[in-house]
């Protein structure tokens, strides 16, 4: 499935990327959680609203760890397949083979969550001016 630079491939349309960039050093490769087209109340969101909300989404799935990630920790904070949260402007965003990804330092992971659905992306937008 081809996507242009402005489209996100959602989990409903495709699984995780088959080919990943090589993550070096203490970096972590994250696939940010996608924002749906509807609110919990069933209202359709405009494209601009979705883009704005997507830019502040702070939960994603760990796709890969660099060889030095957590090498100074007895127990790593996360592993491949975990869902984690991170600060709003953390990391570097990249676009790789149709997928928007995020590259974080290993110490930029804030929490590990059981499911991305446990985090409400609308919470932050209520307080965002």
Protein backbone atom coordinates (compact mmCIF):
# COMPACT_ATOMS: atom_id res chain seq x y z
CA UNK A 1 0.00 0.00 0.00
CA UNK A 2 1.53 3.31 -1.04
CA UNK A 3 1.14 6.39 1.10
CA UNK A 4 2.22 9.92 0.37
CA UNK A 5 4.28 11.98 2.82
CA UNK A 6 1.15 13.40 4.51
CA UNK A 7 -0.68 10.13 5.18
CA UNK A 8 -0.25 7.81 8.13
CA UNK A 9 -0.61 4.09 7.64
CA UNK A 10 -2.81 2.96 10.49
CA UNK A 11 -2.76 -0.43 12.19
CA UNK A 12 -6.19 -1.16 10.68
CA UNK A 13 -4.72 -0.74 7.18
CA UNK A 14 -1.42 -2.52 7.65
CA UNK A 15 0.63 -4.23 10.32
CA UNK A 16 3.94 -2.98 11.62
CA UNK A 17 6.63 -2.31 9.02
CA UNK A 18 8.35 -5.44 7.74
CA UNK A 19 11.63 -3.61 7.06
CA UNK A 20 12.97 -1.37 9.80
CA UNK A 21 15.83 1.08 9.72
CA UNK A 22 18.84 -0.09 11.74
CA UNK A 23 18.69 1.58 15.14
CA UNK A 24 22.13 2.45 16.47
CA UNK A 25 23.58 3.03 19.91
CA UNK A 26 21.20 3.80 22.75
CA UNK A 27 18.26 4.71 20.49
CA UNK A 28 14.77 3.18 20.43
CA UNK A 29 12.51 2.99 17.36
CA UNK A 30 8.86 3.75 18.15
CA UNK A 31 5.72 3.59 16.01
CA UNK A 32 3.42 6.30 17.39
CA UNK A 33 -0.16 5.27 18.12
CA UNK A 34 -2.52 6.54 15.42
CA UNK A 35 -5.40 8.91 16.13
CA UNK A 36 -8.81 7.67 14.99
CA UNK A 37 -11.21 9.56 12.75
CA UNK A 38 -13.95 9.72 15.41
CA UNK A 39 -14.14 10.92 18.99
CA UNK A 40 -15.32 8.55 21.73
CA UNK A 41 -18.74 10.21 21.38
CA UNK A 42 -18.90 9.32 17.68
CA UNK A 43 -18.18 12.77 16.21
CA UNK A 44 -16.07 12.84 13.07
CA UNK A 45 -12.90 14.88 13.48
CA UNK A 46 -11.63 17.23 10.81
CA UNK A 47 -8.31 16.50 9.14
CA UNK A 48 -6.75 19.47 10.95
CA UNK A 49 -8.02 18.24 14.33
CA UNK A 50 -6.57 14.79 13.67
CA UNK A 51 -3.22 16.28 12.63
CA UNK A 52 -3.14 18.51 15.71
CA UNK A 53 -4.02 15.63 18.01
CA UNK A 54 -1.52 13.33 16.30
CA UNK A 55 1.26 15.83 16.91
CA UNK A 56 0.70 15.62 20.67
CA UNK A 57 0.14 11.86 20.89
CA UNK A 58 2.71 10.51 23.29
CA UNK A 59 2.22 6.75 23.20
CA UNK A 60 3.73 4.27 20.78
CA UNK A 61 4.89 0.71 20.19
CA UNK A 62 8.57 -0.21 20.55
CA UNK A 63 9.73 -1.70 17.23
CA UNK A 64 13.49 -1.94 17.79
CA UNK A 65 16.23 -1.20 20.32
CA UNK A 66 19.76 -0.10 19.51
CA UNK A 67 22.58 -2.38 20.66
CA UNK A 68 23.50 -0.04 23.53
CA UNK A 69 19.97 0.73 24.74
CA UNK A 70 19.78 0.15 28.49
CA UNK A 71 23.27 -1.35 28.63
CA UNK A 72 23.84 0.48 31.93
CA UNK A 73 20.59 -0.81 33.49
CA UNK A 74 20.14 -4.12 35.23
CA UNK A 75 16.55 -4.29 33.93
CA UNK A 76 15.60 -2.52 30.66
CA UNK A 77 12.70 -0.10 30.92
CA UNK A 78 11.06 -1.59 27.82
CA UNK A 79 11.46 -4.24 25.14
CA UNK A 80 10.33 -4.74 21.55
CA UNK A 81 6.53 -5.02 21.43
CA UNK A 82 5.89 -2.89 24.55
CA UNK A 83 3.74 0.23 24.43
CA UNK A 84 5.45 3.22 26.03
CA UNK A 85 4.80 6.88 26.64
CA UNK A 86 7.26 9.70 26.03
CA UNK A 87 7.26 13.48 26.31
CA UNK A 88 5.46 15.47 23.65
CA UNK A 89 8.50 16.86 21.82
CA UNK A 90 10.91 14.00 22.51
CA UNK A 91 12.86 12.23 19.82
CA UNK A 92 13.31 12.66 16.10
CA UNK A 93 10.51 11.93 13.69
CA UNK A 94 11.28 10.09 10.46
CA UNK A 95 9.37 8.67 7.51
CA UNK A 96 10.54 5.20 6.44
CA UNK A 97 8.94 3.15 3.65
CA UNK A 98 5.43 4.51 4.17
CA UNK A 99 5.51 4.65 7.97
CA UNK A 100 6.04 7.62 10.25
CA UNK A 101 8.33 6.57 13.07
CA UNK A 102 9.96 8.16 16.10
CA UNK A 103 13.54 7.64 17.26
CA UNK A 104 14.02 8.20 21.02
CA UNK A 105 16.96 8.03 23.38
CA UNK A 106 16.51 5.12 25.78
CA UNK A 107 16.10 7.52 28.73
CA UNK A 108 13.22 9.40 27.03
CA UNK A 109 10.75 6.59 27.78
CA UNK A 110 8.51 7.83 30.59
CA UNK A 111 6.19 4.87 31.29
CA UNK A 112 5.28 1.46 29.94
CA UNK A 113 1.54 0.80 29.46
CA UNK A 114 -0.39 -2.40 28.96
CA UNK A 115 -2.37 -1.03 26.01
CA UNK A 116 -2.26 2.20 24.00
CA UNK A 117 -6.00 2.47 24.62
CA UNK A 118 -5.20 3.14 28.30
CA UNK A 119 -3.89 6.57 27.32
CA UNK A 120 -6.50 9.19 26.33
CA UNK A 121 -4.96 11.53 23.73
CA UNK A 122 -7.84 13.99 24.24
CA UNK A 123 -6.75 14.64 27.83
CA UNK A 124 -3.83 16.86 26.84
CA UNK A 125 -5.71 18.79 24.20
CA UNK A 126 -8.15 20.09 26.82
CA UNK A 127 -5.31 21.96 28.49
CA UNK A 128 -3.36 22.89 25.38
CA UNK A 129 -3.64 26.60 24.56
